[in-house]
Amino acid sequence: MDINLADVTIHIDETLEPAKRHALVDQVREVNGVVGVGYHDDKPHLMIIEYDPDKTSSAELLQTVKAQGVHAELIGL
C-alpha cells in the first residue's frame, strides 16, 4: 500500500512559552492524517508538519494552528 505524504512549514508569529508550544503540537497531532510534527526550541517560530494530503490539507492545518489563538502563515519552500 502506497501512502502519499506531504509536508508543510508554518511560521508562527508569536514567541510561545513551552507549555503553549506543547499544547499547540498536541492539537495539530490530533488532526486526522497528520503523521509527524517538528517543532523545536532552537527555531520556535517554525513548525513542520508531515501529513497525508488525502486526509487533510495545508489550509486545514493552518486553521488548526490559528484556532489556538496564534497568528501564523504557510511558508512556501
C-alpha atoms as a PDB file:
ATOM      1  CA  MET A   1       0.000   0.000   0.000  1.00  0.00           C
ATOM      2  CA  ASP A   2       1.413   3.361  -1.039  1.00  0.00           C
ATOM      3  CA  ILE A   3       0.937   6.312   1.269  1.00  0.00           C
ATOM      4  CA  ASN A   4       1.212   9.747  -0.248  1.00  0.00           C
ATOM      5  CA  LEU A   5       2.850  12.143   2.225  1.00  0.00           C
ATOM      6  CA  ALA A   6       3.434  15.865   2.064  1.00  0.00           C
ATOM      7  CA  ASP A   7       4.886  18.382   4.451  1.00  0.00           C
ATOM      8  CA  VAL A   8       4.209  21.997   5.174  1.00  0.00           C
ATOM      9  CA  THR A   9       6.069  24.635   7.156  1.00  0.00           C
ATOM     10  CA  ILE A  10       4.028  27.036   9.248  1.00  0.00           C
ATOM     11  CA  HIS A  11       5.530  30.256  10.598  1.00  0.00           C
ATOM     12  CA  ILE A  12       4.138  31.265  13.998  1.00  0.00           C
ATOM     13  CA  ASP A  13       4.441  34.985  14.633  1.00  0.00           C
ATOM     14  CA  GLU A  14       4.361  34.918  18.439  1.00  0.00           C
ATOM     15  CA  THR A  15       7.096  33.607  20.693  1.00  0.00           C
ATOM     16  CA  LEU A  16       5.205  30.973  22.642  1.00  0.00           C
ATOM     17  CA  GLU A  17       6.040  29.664  26.079  1.00  0.00           C
ATOM     18  CA  PRO A  18       6.973  25.961  26.158  1.00  0.00           C
ATOM     19  CA  ALA A  19       3.616  24.862  27.621  1.00  0.00           C
ATOM     20  CA  LYS A  20       1.710  26.681  24.864  1.00  0.00           C
ATOM     21  CA  ARG A  21       4.005  25.170  22.201  1.00  0.00           C
ATOM     22  CA  HIS A  22       3.396  21.659  23.538  1.00  0.00           C
ATOM     23  CA  ALA A  23      -0.368  22.240  23.611  1.00  0.00           C
ATOM     24  CA  LEU A  24      -0.236  23.512  20.032  1.00  0.00           C
ATOM     25  CA  VAL A  25       1.696  20.435  18.874  1.00  0.00           C
ATOM     26  CA  ASP A  26      -0.832  18.195  20.621  1.00  0.00           C
ATOM     27  CA  GLN A  27      -3.714  19.908  18.788  1.00  0.00           C
ATOM     28  CA  VAL A  28      -2.004  19.531  15.406  1.00  0.00           C
ATOM     29  CA  ARG A  29      -1.219  15.859  16.061  1.00  0.00           C
ATOM     30  CA  GLU A  30      -4.937  15.220  16.622  1.00  0.00           C
ATOM     31  CA  VAL A  31      -5.789  16.207  13.041  1.00  0.00           C
ATOM     32  CA  ASN A  32      -6.654  13.105  11.026  1.00  0.00           C
ATOM     33  CA  GLY A  33      -3.846  12.448   8.536  1.00  0.00           C
ATOM     34  CA  VAL A  34      -1.011  14.086  10.492  1.00  0.00           C
ATOM     35  CA  VAL A  35       1.979  11.750  10.626  1.00  0.00           C
ATOM     36  CA  GLY A  36       4.504  13.916  12.449  1.00  0.00           C
ATOM     37  CA  VAL A  37       5.149  17.377  13.822  1.00  0.00           C
ATOM     38  CA  GLY A  38       8.567  19.003  14.096  1.00  0.00           C
ATOM     39  CA  TYR A  39       8.679  21.991  16.412  1.00  0.00           C
ATOM     40  CA  HIS A  40      11.958  22.698  18.181  1.00  0.00           C
ATOM     41  CA  ASP A  41      13.194  25.158  20.789  1.00  0.00           C
ATOM     42  CA  ASP A  42      16.032  26.372  18.543  1.00  0.00           C
ATOM     43  CA  LYS A  43      13.518  27.575  15.876  1.00  0.00           C
ATOM     44  CA  PRO A  44      10.401  28.375  17.906  1.00  0.00           C
ATOM     45  CA  HIS A  45       8.630  30.190  15.086  1.00  0.00           C
ATOM     46  CA  LEU A  46       8.696  27.268  12.624  1.00  0.00           C
ATOM     47  CA  MET A  47       6.525  24.164  12.727  1.00  0.00           C
ATOM     48  CA  ILE A  48       6.971  21.449  10.105  1.00  0.00           C
ATOM     49  CA  ILE A  49       4.063  19.062   9.697  1.00  0.00           C
ATOM     50  CA  GLU A  50       4.138  15.814   7.727  1.00  0.00           C
ATOM     51  CA  TYR A  51       0.681  14.679   6.646  1.00  0.00           C
ATOM     52  CA  ASP A  52      -1.378  12.588   4.264  1.00  0.00           C
ATOM     53  CA  PRO A  53      -2.909  15.023   1.738  1.00  0.00           C
ATOM     54  CA  ASP A  54      -5.708  12.529   1.053  1.00  0.00           C
ATOM     55  CA  LYS A  55      -6.925  13.065   4.639  1.00  0.00           C
ATOM     56  CA  THR A  56      -6.173  16.730   5.366  1.00  0.00           C
ATOM     57  CA  SER A  57      -4.778  19.844   3.725  1.00  0.00           C
ATOM     58  CA  SER A  58      -2.245  22.530   4.479  1.00  0.00           C
ATOM     59  CA  ALA A  59      -5.127  25.006   4.807  1.00  0.00           C
ATOM     60  CA  GLU A  60      -6.802  22.830   7.455  1.00  0.00           C
ATOM     61  CA  LEU A  61      -3.517  22.512   9.339  1.00  0.00           C
ATOM     62  CA  LEU A  62      -3.017  26.273   9.272  1.00  0.00           C
ATOM     63  CA  GLN A  63      -6.571  26.767  10.535  1.00  0.00           C
ATOM     64  CA  THR A  64      -5.899  24.310  13.379  1.00  0.00           C
ATOM     65  CA  VAL A  65      -2.888  26.386  14.435  1.00  0.00           C
ATOM     66  CA  LYS A  66      -4.777  29.686  14.168  1.00  0.00           C
ATOM     67  CA  ALA A  67      -7.681  28.251  16.166  1.00  0.00           C
ATOM     68  CA  GLN A  68      -5.308  28.090  19.125  1.00  0.00           C
ATOM     69  CA  GLY A  69      -5.157  31.882  19.190  1.00  0.00           C
ATOM     70  CA  VAL A  70      -1.846  32.447  17.425  1.00  0.00           C
ATOM     71  CA  HIS A  71      -1.034  34.339  14.245  1.00  0.00           C
ATOM     72  CA  ALA A  72       0.527  32.114  11.622  1.00  0.00           C
ATOM     73  CA  GLU A  73       1.015  31.645   7.885  1.00  0.00           C
ATOM     74  CA  LEU A  74       2.163  28.953   5.497  1.00  0.00           C
ATOM     75  CA  ILE A  75       5.695  29.191   4.187  1.00  0.00           C
ATOM     76  CA  GLY A  76       6.333  28.019   0.639  1.00  0.00           C
ATOM     77  CA  LEU A  77       9.556  26.096   0.073  1.00  0.00           C
END
